[in-house]
Protein backbone atom coordinates (compact mmCIF):
# COMPACT_ATOMS: atom_id res chain seq x y z
CA MET A 1 0.00 0.00 0.00
CA ALA A 2 2.88 2.36 0.84
CA ASP A 3 4.40 1.79 -2.60
CA THR A 4 1.06 2.62 -4.24
CA ASN A 5 0.69 5.85 -2.26
CA GLU A 6 4.24 6.89 -3.09
CA ALA A 7 3.59 6.28 -6.80
CA SER A 8 0.38 8.30 -6.62
CA THR A 9 2.14 11.15 -4.83
CA SER A 10 4.94 11.10 -7.39
CA ALA A 11 2.46 11.16 -10.27
CA ALA A 12 0.54 14.01 -8.69
CA ALA A 13 3.73 16.01 -8.28
CA ALA A 14 4.83 15.58 -11.89
CA PRO A 15 4.98 18.98 -13.60
CA VAL A 16 2.27 19.76 -16.14
CA VAL A 17 3.79 20.46 -19.52
CA LYS A 18 1.95 23.31 -21.20
CA GLU A 19 1.13 22.91 -24.88
CA THR A 20 2.75 25.27 -27.31
CA LYS A 21 0.44 27.13 -29.69
CA ALA A 22 1.47 24.79 -32.48
CA GLN A 23 0.83 21.68 -30.38
CA LYS A 24 -2.60 22.92 -29.37
CA VAL A 25 -3.66 23.64 -32.94
CA GLU A 26 -2.32 20.29 -34.14
CA ARG A 27 -4.25 18.50 -31.39
CA LEU A 28 -7.47 20.34 -32.27
CA LYS A 29 -7.04 19.49 -35.95
CA ARG A 30 -6.64 15.81 -35.10
CA GLU A 31 -9.73 15.82 -32.90
CA LYS A 32 -12.24 17.30 -35.32
CA ASN A 33 -12.89 17.95 -39.01
CA PRO A 34 -14.66 21.33 -38.95
CA TRP A 35 -16.20 20.69 -42.36
CA ASP A 36 -18.15 17.77 -40.87
CA SER A 37 -19.23 19.77 -37.83
CA TRP A 38 -21.27 22.72 -39.12
CA SER A 39 -24.08 21.56 -36.85
CA ASP A 40 -21.96 22.91 -33.96
CA VAL A 41 -22.23 26.39 -35.45
CA GLU A 42 -25.95 26.02 -36.01
CA GLY A 43 -26.22 25.22 -32.31
CA TYR A 44 -24.19 28.28 -31.35
CA ALA A 45 -26.40 30.42 -33.58
CA LYS A 46 -29.44 29.34 -31.58
CA ALA A 47 -27.75 29.70 -28.18
CA GLY A 48 -25.98 33.03 -28.83
CA ARG A 49 -22.43 34.41 -28.91
CA ALA A 50 -21.58 33.43 -25.34
CA SER A 51 -22.11 29.76 -26.17
CA VAL A 52 -19.34 29.60 -28.79
CA ALA A 53 -16.61 27.19 -27.70
CA ALA A 54 -13.06 28.53 -27.56
CA GLU A 55 -11.79 25.91 -30.02
CA TRP A 56 -14.25 27.20 -32.59
CA SER A 57 -13.46 30.88 -31.97
CA GLY A 58 -9.73 30.31 -32.11
CA THR A 59 -9.38 27.54 -34.66
CA TYR A 60 -12.24 25.69 -36.30
CA PHE A 61 -14.11 28.72 -37.66
CA LYS A 62 -11.22 29.39 -40.03
CA TRP A 63 -11.99 26.21 -42.00
CA TRP A 64 -15.30 27.90 -42.85
CA GLY A 65 -13.68 31.16 -43.89
CA VAL A 66 -14.62 32.83 -40.61
CA TYR A 67 -12.52 34.79 -38.11
CA THR A 68 -13.33 36.51 -34.88
CA GLN A 69 -13.32 40.24 -35.55
CA GLY A 70 -11.05 42.58 -33.58
CA ASP A 71 -12.36 45.32 -31.32
CA GLY A 72 -11.27 48.15 -33.61
CA VAL A 73 -7.88 48.96 -32.13
CA GLY A 74 -5.92 45.95 -33.31
CA VAL A 75 -3.15 44.38 -31.29
CA THR A 76 -3.06 47.31 -28.84
CA GLY A 77 -4.49 46.29 -25.51
CA GLY A 78 -4.30 42.58 -26.21
CA LYS A 79 -1.69 40.03 -25.26
CA GLY A 80 0.43 37.36 -26.89
CA GLY A 81 0.59 39.27 -30.17
CA GLU A 82 -3.19 39.43 -30.63
CA GLY A 83 -5.69 42.13 -29.80
CA LEU A 84 -9.05 41.73 -28.11
CA VAL A 85 -11.93 40.16 -30.00
CA SER A 86 -15.40 41.61 -30.38
CA ASP A 87 -18.71 39.77 -30.49
CA TYR A 88 -18.63 39.90 -34.30
CA PHE A 89 -17.09 37.84 -37.07
CA MET A 90 -15.56 38.40 -40.48
CA MET A 91 -16.06 35.96 -43.35
CA ARG A 92 -14.17 35.40 -46.58
CA ILE A 93 -16.15 34.12 -49.57
CA GLY A 94 -14.12 32.01 -51.98
CA ILE A 95 -14.39 32.97 -55.66
CA VAL A 96 -12.40 30.46 -57.70
CA ASN A 97 -10.33 32.13 -60.41
CA GLY A 98 -12.24 35.34 -59.63
CA LYS A 99 -15.19 34.25 -61.81
CA LEU A 100 -18.44 35.78 -60.64
CA THR A 101 -21.94 36.31 -62.06
CA SER A 102 -24.16 39.33 -61.60
CA ALA A 103 -26.72 37.11 -59.84
CA GLN A 104 -24.09 35.98 -57.34
CA LEU A 105 -22.94 39.55 -56.78
CA ARG A 106 -26.52 40.66 -56.14
CA GLU A 107 -26.89 38.00 -53.47
CA ILE A 108 -23.61 39.03 -51.85
CA ALA A 109 -24.76 42.65 -51.93
CA ASP A 110 -28.00 41.72 -50.17
CA ILE A 111 -26.11 39.68 -47.54
CA THR A 112 -23.76 42.63 -47.07
CA GLN A 113 -26.65 45.03 -46.58
CA LYS A 114 -28.52 42.76 -44.20
CA HIS A 115 -25.69 41.32 -42.11
CA ALA A 116 -22.38 43.17 -42.75
CA ARG A 117 -23.26 46.82 -42.16
CA GLY A 118 -22.76 47.55 -45.84
CA ILE A 119 -19.04 46.72 -46.01
CA ALA A 120 -17.46 44.27 -48.46
CA ASP A 121 -13.80 44.03 -49.47
CA VAL A 122 -12.25 42.38 -52.52
CA THR A 123 -9.13 40.62 -51.22
CA THR A 124 -5.70 39.88 -52.65
CA ARG A 125 -6.86 36.32 -53.46
CA GLN A 126 -9.95 37.26 -55.46
CA CYS A 127 -12.28 36.62 -52.51
CA ILE A 128 -14.91 38.94 -51.08
CA GLN A 129 -14.66 39.56 -47.34
CA LEU A 130 -17.51 40.61 -45.06
CA HIS A 131 -17.45 42.10 -41.57
CA TRP A 132 -19.76 42.71 -38.58
CA LEU A 133 -21.38 39.28 -38.85
CA THR A 134 -23.17 37.88 -35.81
CA ILE A 135 -23.10 34.25 -34.77
CA GLU A 136 -26.83 34.13 -35.45
CA SER A 137 -26.30 35.16 -39.08
CA LEU A 138 -23.66 32.59 -40.06
CA PRO A 139 -25.93 29.61 -40.88
CA GLU A 140 -28.19 31.75 -43.06
CA ILE A 141 -25.23 33.30 -44.90
CA VAL A 142 -23.62 29.92 -45.63
CA GLU A 143 -26.96 28.53 -46.81
CA ARG A 144 -27.48 31.48 -49.15
CA LEU A 145 -23.97 31.25 -50.55
CA THR A 146 -24.32 27.51 -51.13
CA ALA A 147 -27.53 28.13 -53.06
CA ILE A 148 -25.67 30.34 -55.57
CA GLY A 149 -22.68 28.02 -55.95
CA LEU A 150 -20.31 29.86 -53.62
CA SER A 151 -18.87 29.01 -50.24
CA PRO A 152 -16.53 30.31 -47.54
CA LYS A 153 -15.29 26.75 -46.97
CA GLY A 154 -11.52 26.65 -47.24
CA ALA A 155 -11.14 30.41 -47.65
CA CYS A 156 -9.12 30.29 -44.41
CA GLY A 157 -7.54 27.57 -42.27
CA ASP A 158 -4.70 25.08 -42.74
CA VAL A 159 -6.05 23.94 -46.08
CA VAL A 160 -5.89 24.57 -49.81
CA ARG A 161 -7.10 28.15 -50.06
CA ASN A 162 -9.16 29.83 -52.77
CA VAL A 163 -7.49 28.88 -56.07
CA THR A 164 -6.61 32.00 -58.01
CA GLY A 165 -6.00 32.58 -61.69
CA CYS A 166 -6.07 35.13 -64.47
CA PRO A 167 -9.43 36.95 -64.31
CA MET A 168 -9.41 37.11 -68.11
CA ALA A 169 -9.05 33.34 -68.52
CA GLY A 170 -10.83 32.15 -71.65
CA LEU A 171 -11.31 35.70 -72.92
CA ASP A 172 -7.83 37.15 -73.40
CA GLY A 173 -6.48 36.86 -76.92
CA HIS A 174 -2.90 36.82 -75.62
CA GLU A 175 -3.20 33.85 -73.26
CA LEU A 176 -1.42 30.62 -74.11
CA LEU A 177 -4.31 28.55 -72.78
CA ASP A 178 -7.44 28.89 -70.66
CA ALA A 179 -6.32 27.57 -67.28
CA SER A 180 -9.62 28.20 -65.47
CA PRO A 181 -10.92 24.61 -65.90
CA LEU A 182 -7.77 23.39 -64.13
CA ALA A 183 -8.29 25.98 -61.35
CA ASP A 184 -11.86 24.73 -60.97
CA LYS A 185 -10.69 21.10 -60.79
CA ILE A 186 -8.02 21.83 -58.18
CA SER A 187 -10.56 23.71 -56.11
CA LYS A 188 -13.20 21.01 -56.44
CA GLU A 189 -10.84 18.14 -55.65
CA LEU A 190 -8.59 19.67 -52.98
CA THR A 191 -10.53 22.46 -51.25
CA GLY A 192 -13.00 20.93 -48.85
CA ASN A 193 -11.46 17.49 -49.34
CA PRO A 194 -11.15 15.66 -45.97
CA GLU A 195 -7.81 14.22 -47.13
CA PHE A 196 -6.45 17.76 -46.98
CA VAL A 197 -8.31 19.12 -43.97
CA ASN A 198 -5.13 19.10 -41.90
CA LEU A 199 -2.13 20.68 -43.63
CA PRO A 200 0.70 22.21 -41.60
CA ARG A 201 -0.53 25.68 -42.56
CA LYS A 202 -2.31 27.50 -45.36
CA PHE A 203 -1.59 26.34 -48.92
CA LYS A 204 -2.07 28.82 -51.75
CA VAL A 205 -2.38 27.72 -55.37
CA THR A 206 -2.56 29.76 -58.55
CA VAL A 207 -2.96 28.55 -62.13
CA THR A 208 -2.67 30.84 -65.12
CA GLY A 209 -2.31 30.82 -68.88
CA CYS A 210 -1.89 34.60 -68.83
CA PRO A 211 1.41 35.87 -70.30
CA ILE A 212 1.61 38.75 -67.81
CA TRP A 213 1.32 36.44 -64.78
CA CYS A 214 -1.34 38.67 -63.24
CA SER A 215 -1.97 36.19 -60.39
CA TYR A 216 1.59 36.58 -59.04
CA PRO A 217 2.89 32.99 -59.23
CA GLU A 218 6.10 34.17 -57.56
CA ILE A 219 4.40 34.44 -54.15
CA ASN A 220 2.21 31.33 -54.13
CA ASP A 221 2.92 27.99 -52.44
CA VAL A 222 2.27 26.28 -55.78
CA ALA A 223 1.99 28.02 -59.12
CA LEU A 224 1.42 26.79 -62.63
CA THR A 225 2.15 29.19 -65.50
CA ALA A 226 1.57 28.34 -69.14
CA LEU A 227 4.68 27.23 -71.03
CA LYS A 228 5.21 26.59 -74.74
CA ARG A 229 7.81 24.19 -76.10
CA VAL A 230 8.66 22.46 -79.39
CA LYS A 231 9.26 18.71 -79.23
CA ASP A 232 9.85 16.47 -82.22
CA GLY A 233 8.99 19.42 -84.42
CA LYS A 234 5.59 19.92 -82.80
CA GLU A 235 4.52 22.84 -80.64
CA GLU A 236 3.06 21.91 -77.27
CA ILE A 237 1.63 24.01 -74.45
CA GLY A 238 1.88 22.86 -70.86
CA TYR A 239 2.92 24.45 -67.59
CA SER A 240 5.90 25.58 -65.58
CA LEU A 241 5.77 24.62 -61.90
CA ARG A 242 6.88 26.87 -59.06
CA ILE A 243 6.83 26.00 -55.37
CA GLY A 244 7.44 27.80 -52.12
CA GLY A 245 6.49 31.41 -52.65
CA GLY A 246 5.12 33.50 -49.82
CA LEU A 247 5.48 36.82 -48.02
CA SER A 248 4.41 37.24 -44.37
CA THR A 249 7.25 38.02 -41.95
CA GLU A 250 9.95 36.28 -44.03
CA PRO A 251 9.37 36.73 -47.78
CA HIS A 252 10.47 34.08 -50.27
CA ILE A 253 10.10 33.98 -54.03
CA SER A 254 8.89 30.63 -55.37
CA VAL A 255 11.40 28.14 -56.77
CA ARG A 256 10.94 26.91 -60.32
CA MET A 257 11.18 23.20 -61.06
CA ASN A 258 13.16 22.41 -64.22
CA ALA A 259 10.27 20.59 -65.84
CA PHE A 260 7.62 20.76 -68.52
CA ILE A 261 4.29 19.79 -66.97
CA PRO A 262 1.89 18.38 -69.58
CA GLN A 263 -1.67 19.63 -69.21
CA ASP A 264 -2.96 16.15 -68.38
CA LYS A 265 -0.42 15.85 -65.53
CA ALA A 266 -0.91 19.30 -64.04
CA TYR A 267 -3.59 18.45 -61.48
CA GLU A 268 -1.67 15.36 -60.33
CA ALA A 269 1.46 17.47 -59.89
CA VAL A 270 -0.35 19.98 -57.67
CA LYS A 271 -1.91 17.17 -55.64
CA ALA A 272 1.49 15.52 -55.22
CA VAL A 273 3.00 18.73 -53.85
CA CYS A 274 0.08 19.09 -51.47
CA GLU A 275 0.59 15.51 -50.25
CA ILE A 276 4.32 16.05 -49.76
CA TYR A 277 3.59 19.19 -47.76
CA ARG A 278 0.98 17.42 -45.64
CA GLU A 279 3.55 14.82 -44.57
CA GLN A 280 6.22 17.25 -43.36
CA ASP A 281 5.85 16.91 -39.59
CA VAL A 282 8.86 19.16 -39.07
CA LEU A 283 6.71 22.05 -40.30
CA ARG A 284 4.09 21.41 -37.62
CA GLU A 285 6.42 22.39 -34.76
CA ASN A 286 6.20 26.17 -35.22
CA ARG A 287 3.13 27.96 -36.64
CA GLY A 288 5.30 30.87 -37.71
CA ARG A 289 7.50 28.63 -39.87
CA ALA A 290 5.03 26.11 -41.20
CA ARG A 291 4.63 27.16 -44.83
CA ILE A 292 6.12 25.00 -47.57
CA LYS A 293 8.65 27.73 -48.37
CA TYR A 294 10.51 26.80 -45.18
CA LEU A 295 11.48 23.46 -46.71
CA PHE A 296 13.73 25.54 -48.99
CA MET A 297 14.58 28.24 -46.46
CA LYS A 298 15.32 26.14 -43.37
CA HIS A 299 15.36 22.42 -44.14
CA GLY A 300 17.72 21.98 -47.07
CA TRP A 301 15.27 21.19 -49.86
CA THR A 302 16.18 22.24 -53.40
CA ALA A 303 14.34 22.44 -56.70
CA GLU A 304 15.99 19.15 -57.65
CA SER A 305 14.99 17.29 -54.48
CA MET A 306 11.44 18.62 -54.61
CA LEU A 307 11.01 17.63 -58.26
CA ALA A 308 12.40 14.16 -57.50
CA ALA A 309 9.90 13.75 -54.66
CA ILE A 310 7.03 14.79 -56.94
CA GLU A 311 8.11 12.41 -59.69
CA GLU A 312 8.49 9.53 -57.26
CA ARG A 313 5.01 10.09 -55.88
CA MET A 314 3.47 10.36 -59.33
CA GLY A 315 5.52 7.56 -60.89
CA TYR A 316 6.22 9.87 -63.79
CA LYS A 317 9.38 11.53 -65.12
CA PHE A 318 9.00 15.08 -66.43
CA ASP A 319 11.06 16.41 -69.31
CA ALA A 320 13.52 19.13 -68.39
CA CYS A 321 12.53 22.41 -69.98
CA ASP A 322 13.81 25.98 -69.89
CA GLU A 323 11.39 28.66 -68.80
CA GLY A 324 12.01 31.02 -71.67
CA ALA A 325 11.02 34.64 -71.24
CA GLU A 326 9.44 35.41 -67.88
CA ALA A 327 6.64 37.93 -67.45
CA GLY A 328 7.63 41.56 -67.05
CA ASP A 329 6.92 43.85 -64.14
CA LEU A 330 4.57 46.48 -65.61
CA TYR A 331 0.81 46.64 -65.13
CA ARG A 332 -0.08 43.07 -64.29
CA ASP A 333 -3.66 44.05 -63.57
CA HIS A 334 -5.92 44.17 -66.68
CA VAL A 335 -7.07 47.65 -65.58
CA GLY A 336 -8.70 49.87 -68.22
CA VAL A 337 -10.51 49.05 -71.44
CA ASN A 338 -8.91 46.12 -73.28
CA PRO A 339 -10.02 44.17 -76.37
CA GLN A 340 -10.86 40.51 -75.83
CA ARG A 341 -10.11 37.59 -78.10
CA GLU A 342 -13.51 37.82 -79.79
CA ALA A 343 -13.63 40.83 -82.07
CA GLY A 344 -15.96 43.56 -80.85
CA LEU A 345 -15.91 42.52 -77.19
CA ASN A 346 -13.94 44.22 -74.43
CA SER A 347 -13.10 44.03 -70.78
CA VAL A 348 -13.44 47.06 -68.53
CA GLY A 349 -11.02 46.76 -65.64
CA VAL A 350 -12.11 48.91 -62.72
CA THR A 351 -9.79 50.07 -59.95
CA VAL A 352 -11.65 49.59 -56.67
CA ILE A 353 -9.23 51.35 -54.36
CA ASN A 354 -8.31 49.05 -51.46
CA GLY A 355 -11.07 46.66 -52.62
CA ARG A 356 -13.77 48.38 -50.53
CA MET A 357 -17.34 48.27 -51.91
CA ASN A 358 -20.80 48.90 -50.52
CA PRO A 359 -24.04 47.14 -51.56
CA GLU A 360 -25.13 49.98 -53.86
CA GLN A 361 -21.86 49.78 -55.76
CA MET A 362 -22.07 45.99 -56.04
CA LEU A 363 -25.61 46.24 -57.39
CA ALA A 364 -24.47 48.89 -59.86
CA PHE A 365 -21.71 46.55 -61.06
CA ALA A 366 -24.33 43.80 -61.49
CA ASP A 367 -26.60 46.17 -63.43
CA LEU A 368 -23.78 47.24 -65.77
CA ALA A 369 -22.74 43.62 -66.36
CA GLU A 370 -26.29 42.56 -67.21
CA LYS A 371 -27.38 45.56 -69.24
CA TYR A 372 -24.22 46.10 -71.26
CA GLY A 373 -22.48 42.71 -71.12
CA ASN A 374 -23.50 39.12 -70.51
CA GLY A 375 -23.79 39.28 -66.74
CA GLU A 376 -20.23 38.13 -66.00
CA LEU A 377 -17.67 39.85 -63.78
CA ARG A 378 -14.25 39.03 -62.39
CA THR A 379 -12.44 39.86 -59.18
CA THR A 380 -8.66 40.30 -59.20
CA ILE A 381 -5.77 39.87 -56.78
CA GLY A 382 -5.23 43.63 -57.05
CA GLN A 383 -8.52 44.09 -55.14
CA ASN A 384 -10.25 45.19 -58.35
CA VAL A 385 -13.28 44.22 -60.46
CA ILE A 386 -13.45 43.55 -64.21
CA LEU A 387 -16.60 43.74 -66.32
CA VAL A 388 -16.21 41.40 -69.29
CA ASN A 389 -17.82 40.72 -72.68
CA ILE A 390 -18.75 44.36 -73.20
CA PRO A 391 -19.53 45.20 -76.86
CA SER A 392 -17.51 48.13 -78.17
CA ALA A 393 -20.64 50.21 -78.61
CA ASN A 394 -21.33 49.94 -74.86
CA VAL A 395 -17.85 50.64 -73.52
CA GLN A 396 -18.21 54.40 -73.00
CA THR A 397 -21.54 53.96 -71.25
CA VAL A 398 -19.98 51.40 -68.90
CA VAL A 399 -17.01 53.67 -68.18
CA GLU A 400 -19.37 56.51 -67.31
CA GLY A 401 -21.44 54.19 -65.14
CA VAL A 402 -18.34 53.12 -63.22
CA SER A 403 -17.41 56.76 -62.64
CA LYS A 404 -20.87 57.50 -61.23
CA ILE A 405 -20.41 54.92 -58.46
CA GLY A 406 -17.06 56.35 -57.39
CA PHE A 407 -14.51 54.10 -59.10
CA GLN A 408 -12.06 54.63 -61.97
CA VAL A 409 -11.33 52.85 -65.25
CA GLU A 410 -8.43 55.09 -66.29
CA PRO A 411 -6.78 55.88 -62.96
CA LYS A 412 -3.58 57.77 -62.31
CA SER A 413 -0.52 55.88 -61.09
CA PHE A 414 -1.07 56.30 -57.37
CA TYR A 415 -4.73 55.26 -57.44
CA ARG A 416 -4.12 52.31 -59.74
CA GLY A 417 -1.38 50.76 -57.65
CA ALA A 418 -2.91 51.11 -54.18
CA VAL A 419 -3.44 47.98 -52.06
CA ALA A 420 -4.26 47.79 -48.36
CA CYS A 421 -4.92 45.02 -45.87
CA THR A 422 -7.79 45.00 -43.36
CA GLY A 423 -5.94 46.96 -40.66
CA THR A 424 -7.09 47.75 -37.13
CA GLU A 425 -10.61 48.45 -38.33
CA PHE A 426 -11.35 44.73 -38.08
CA CYS A 427 -8.12 42.75 -37.61
CA LYS A 428 -6.92 41.83 -34.13
CA LEU A 429 -3.30 41.50 -35.27
CA ALA A 430 -2.97 44.89 -36.93
CA ILE A 431 -1.05 47.76 -35.37
CA THR A 432 -2.37 50.55 -37.60
CA GLU A 433 -5.47 51.52 -39.58
CA THR A 434 -4.84 50.99 -43.29
CA LYS A 435 -7.68 51.40 -45.77
CA ALA A 436 -8.80 54.95 -44.95
CA PHE A 437 -5.15 55.94 -44.52
CA ASN A 438 -4.17 54.57 -47.93
CA LYS A 439 -7.09 56.28 -49.67
CA TRP A 440 -6.09 59.59 -48.06
CA LEU A 441 -2.42 59.01 -48.90
CA VAL A 442 -3.25 58.38 -52.57
CA SER A 443 -5.29 61.58 -52.80
CA GLU A 444 -2.44 63.53 -51.19
CA LEU A 445 0.13 62.14 -53.62
CA GLU A 446 -2.03 62.82 -56.66
CA GLU A 447 -2.39 66.45 -55.55
CA ARG A 448 1.29 66.86 -54.68
CA LEU A 449 2.75 65.09 -57.74
CA PRO A 450 0.41 65.56 -60.72
CA GLU A 451 3.41 65.24 -63.08
CA PHE A 452 4.42 61.77 -61.84
CA ASP A 453 4.49 59.44 -64.87
CA GLN A 454 5.56 55.98 -63.62
CA GLN A 455 3.76 52.84 -62.55
CA PHE A 456 3.67 53.04 -58.78
CA ARG A 457 2.61 50.24 -56.48
CA LEU A 458 1.88 51.51 -52.99
CA HIS A 459 0.99 48.71 -50.58
CA VAL A 460 -0.03 49.31 -46.98
CA THR A 461 -0.01 46.52 -44.41
CA GLY A 462 -1.05 46.98 -40.80
CA CYS A 463 1.54 44.66 -39.21
CA THR A 464 4.53 42.47 -40.04
CA ASN A 465 2.39 39.67 -41.54
CA SER A 466 2.35 41.50 -44.90
CA CYS A 467 -1.31 40.93 -45.78
CA GLY A 468 -0.96 44.09 -47.87
CA GLN A 469 2.02 42.55 -49.72
CA GLY A 470 4.40 45.42 -49.02
CA TRP A 471 7.41 43.25 -49.87
CA ILE A 472 6.62 43.36 -53.61
CA ALA A 473 5.65 47.04 -53.90
CA ASP A 474 7.59 50.05 -55.09
CA ILE A 475 6.90 51.38 -51.63
CA GLY A 476 5.58 49.07 -48.94
CA LEU A 477 4.41 50.57 -45.67
CA GLU A 478 4.36 48.34 -42.58
CA GLY A 479 2.32 49.43 -39.58
CA LYS A 480 4.01 50.58 -36.37
CA LYS A 481 3.31 52.84 -33.41
CA ILE A 482 5.55 55.77 -32.46
CA LYS A 483 5.32 58.66 -30.05
CA LYS A 484 4.74 62.05 -31.66
CA ASP A 485 4.27 65.20 -29.60
CA GLY A 486 3.97 63.00 -26.54
CA VAL A 487 1.17 60.84 -27.96
CA MET A 488 1.32 57.33 -29.45
CA VAL A 489 0.20 57.51 -33.08
CA ASP A 490 -0.01 55.28 -36.14
CA ALA A 491 3.24 55.11 -38.06
CA PHE A 492 4.78 53.13 -40.91
CA TYR A 493 8.13 51.52 -41.63
CA PHE A 494 9.24 51.95 -45.25
CA MET A 495 10.31 49.20 -47.63
CA VAL A 496 11.43 50.29 -51.10
CA GLY A 497 12.02 48.72 -54.50
CA GLY A 498 9.99 45.51 -54.42
CA SER A 499 8.75 43.99 -57.66
CA VAL A 500 7.58 40.75 -59.21
CA GLY A 501 8.84 39.95 -62.69
CA GLY A 502 11.16 41.76 -65.00
CA GLU A 503 14.69 43.03 -64.68
CA TYR A 504 14.16 44.50 -61.22
CA ALA A 505 12.27 41.65 -59.61
CA GLY A 506 13.01 41.15 -55.96
CA ILE A 507 11.92 41.67 -52.39
CA ALA A 508 11.69 45.28 -51.23
CA ARG A 509 14.61 46.60 -49.21
CA GLN A 510 14.25 47.63 -45.60
CA ILE A 511 15.92 51.04 -45.71
CA GLY A 512 15.67 51.98 -42.07
CA TYR A 513 13.07 54.75 -42.18
CA ARG A 514 9.73 55.17 -40.47
CA ALA A 515 7.33 58.06 -40.11
CA ALA A 516 4.06 58.95 -38.44
CA ALA A 517 1.10 58.30 -40.73
CA THR A 518 0.43 62.02 -41.08
CA ASP A 519 4.01 62.61 -42.26
CA CYS A 520 4.01 59.91 -44.96
CA PRO A 521 2.76 62.05 -47.89
CA GLU A 522 5.55 64.58 -47.43
CA ALA A 523 8.18 61.86 -47.09
CA ILE A 524 7.05 60.04 -50.24
CA GLU A 525 6.84 63.32 -52.13
CA ARG A 526 10.47 64.06 -51.25
CA LEU A 527 11.52 60.59 -52.40
CA LEU A 528 9.69 60.74 -55.72
CA ARG A 529 10.86 64.28 -56.43
CA GLY A 530 14.37 62.98 -55.85
CA TYR A 531 13.70 60.40 -58.57
CA LEU A 532 12.19 62.95 -60.99
CA LYS A 533 15.18 65.23 -60.51
CA GLY A 534 17.88 62.57 -60.51
CA ARG A 535 16.70 60.06 -63.12
CA GLY A 536 18.55 59.49 -66.32
CA GLU A 537 16.87 59.88 -69.69
CA GLY A 538 14.08 57.30 -69.89
CA GLU A 539 15.08 55.78 -66.54
CA SER A 540 12.29 53.97 -64.71
CA LEU A 541 11.53 54.34 -61.04
CA ARG A 542 12.57 50.75 -60.42
CA SER A 543 15.92 51.28 -62.12
CA TYR A 544 16.47 54.38 -60.00
CA PHE A 545 15.63 52.55 -56.79
CA ARG A 546 17.96 49.70 -57.73
CA ARG A 547 20.98 51.96 -58.31
CA THR A 548 20.37 54.29 -55.37
CA SER A 549 21.74 53.33 -51.96
CA ASP A 550 19.64 52.81 -48.85
CA ASP A 551 21.35 55.78 -47.24
CA GLU A 552 20.42 58.08 -50.14
CA LEU A 553 16.82 56.90 -50.27
CA ARG A 554 16.47 57.23 -46.51
CA ALA A 555 17.87 60.78 -46.65
CA GLN A 556 15.37 61.70 -49.38
CA LEU A 557 12.47 60.37 -47.33
CA ASN A 558 13.68 62.16 -44.21
CA GLY A 559 14.75 65.39 -45.85
CA ALA A 560 18.23 64.99 -44.35
CA GLU A 561 20.76 62.27 -43.59
CA MET A 562 19.88 60.01 -40.67
CA GLU A 563 20.91 56.75 -39.06
CA ALA A 564 18.93 53.66 -40.08
CA ILE A 565 16.16 52.49 -37.77
CA GLU A 566 15.68 48.76 -37.38
CA ARG A 567 12.42 47.14 -38.39
CA ASP A 568 10.47 46.33 -35.23
CA MET A 569 9.66 42.61 -35.19
CA THR A 570 8.13 42.48 -31.72
CA LYS A 571 4.54 42.44 -32.93
CA VAL A 572 4.42 39.24 -34.98
CA GLY A 573 1.29 37.12 -34.95
CA THR A 574 0.08 34.06 -36.81
CA GLY A 575 -3.47 33.79 -35.58
CA HIS A 576 -5.22 35.74 -38.33
CA ALA A 577 -4.39 34.10 -41.61
CA PRO A 578 -3.92 36.96 -44.07
CA ASP A 579 -5.23 36.64 -47.58
CA ALA A 580 -1.90 37.81 -48.93
C-alpha cells in the first residue's frame, strides 16, 4: 500500500507540460474535421455568442472562412501578439479564379446590406470579405452562398485556399491557354477534401495561362504558369511549376522546377506537392514557420529534391525544360478598357481602391454587367473588379457608369497601384489603420505630384504579416506605433524597391526609415521628387531605386541624412491568416 501511495504522490507532483500554440492547434485538428461539424455552429447560432466554444473561436471557424473580428484597435491592448476580440465575425467568400456572375454579386450585396453593415472588401486572393457578422447570421449566410454556388469553406484555415488565376481566362487573346478549368478542378478536388483538412498551414495555389502572370505565381505555395515548347517538331503548351512562394514576416520567391508539366499531368502534380507538404511533420512544430517555403529556407530542400519527390510520388518523369522569357513587371492588372479575343468585345477593368465596396456599388456593377455585357464579372488579386464581354458600342456607357459609383477605369498611377490590408478596423493583429489611410495618402500624392508618370505600387499593411504585400511594392508601408508630440500615433516603416517579374524583380529593401502616418505624404513626395530630378533619360523608377543606396533613399524620405532604424519585429502574430 505504501508503494502505491508513493507512486500516486509522485504522479501528482509531476509537472504539467503546457502545450505550445502549435501543439494545441495540431491536437485540435486531429480531434475534429470542422467541415463535418457545421451543426456545432448552427447550435451556437441558436444559443448566442456566449455559447461559442473557444476551439471554434480560435481555430475551427477558419476552416469555414470565418474569423473573430477585432475590437477596432488591433493588437493594442491585447496580449500574446493578438488584440481583443469583439462579439462579431468576419467571413471570406471564396471565388475560384475570380469568376463571378451578376446574380451571385446581387446576393452578396443583399447579404452585405442585411448582415455586414454595408461593407465588403475584394481581397488579394480574389475573394470577397464581409465584416460585422453575428453568430446568429452565419448559418443563413452559408446557406445562401451555397444556393448560388459559392462558399466560404476553405477560404481560411490550414487547407488549400481559394485557387486563383487570371481573371481574363478564356477571354484574353494573348493567353497561351485557358487555365480556369484546371483551377476549378483543383478547387473542387482539394478544397473541402477531408484528405487535406489538416495541412501544416495555409496552402495557396494559382494557375494561369496569362502571359503577364497577373496572379503573381512568384508568391504562391504552388503556381502553374503556361509554357510553350517544341518537341519532335511539334509545338506543345503545358505548364511551368513553381513551389514555395510566400510573403508574411519572411518573404520568399517561389522556386521553379526544371520541368515541362503536360496539361494532363498538371492536377496530379499539384496534388502531389500538397501531399508532400501534408507529410512534413517538421513544419508542424512552429506555426510561424510552417509554410512549404521553409522546406527551402530552413530544411535543405532544393528544386531538384522537390522535383524528384514529386516524380516519385506520381511515378512519372517530367522532361527538363527551360522557362524562356518570364513575365515583365509592368501593369499586371488588366485595368482599363482592353479588347478581348472575340472581335468587338472588351473588358473594362475597374480600380476599386483598397477593394472596398458597398451594396449599392455591387448592385451597380451587377446592373452594368447585365445591361451592357452578358452578366459576368471578375475579381482580381489587385482588389479590383473587371466587367467582361462588353460590346464596343457599350464601352463608353460602362465607363461613365463606373465613374458614377465612385470608381475609376483610367486611374492615375497612385490610385491604380494602391493595395491595403484589413488593418485595425477589423483585424486583431494589426497595429495601424490601413484602408482609410491609404485612400487619403493616394489623394495627397495625386495632388502633390500631378506630373508623376511611372507605374507606382503603394501597398499598406497593418503589421509584419504583410497581408498588404508590401514586400513586392515600389513602396511598402508596414504598420508601427511611435510617439509624436507626446502621444502614441499610427506610423509606418518603409520598404522600397519591391517587384515581381522583369529586370528588377526582388523583395523590397528595408531602408531603415519610419514616419508617423500624417508625415508619410511629405516623405514620399520628397523621395519621388528625388527620382524625378535625378533620373537618367528614360530611366524607370525601379531602375532608379535599384541603383540608389539605402542611405540616399532614406535621406530623401527624411529630408536629411539620418541613421537607419531597425524594423520592429516584436509584434508578430500568426493567428489571423492573411489573404496575402
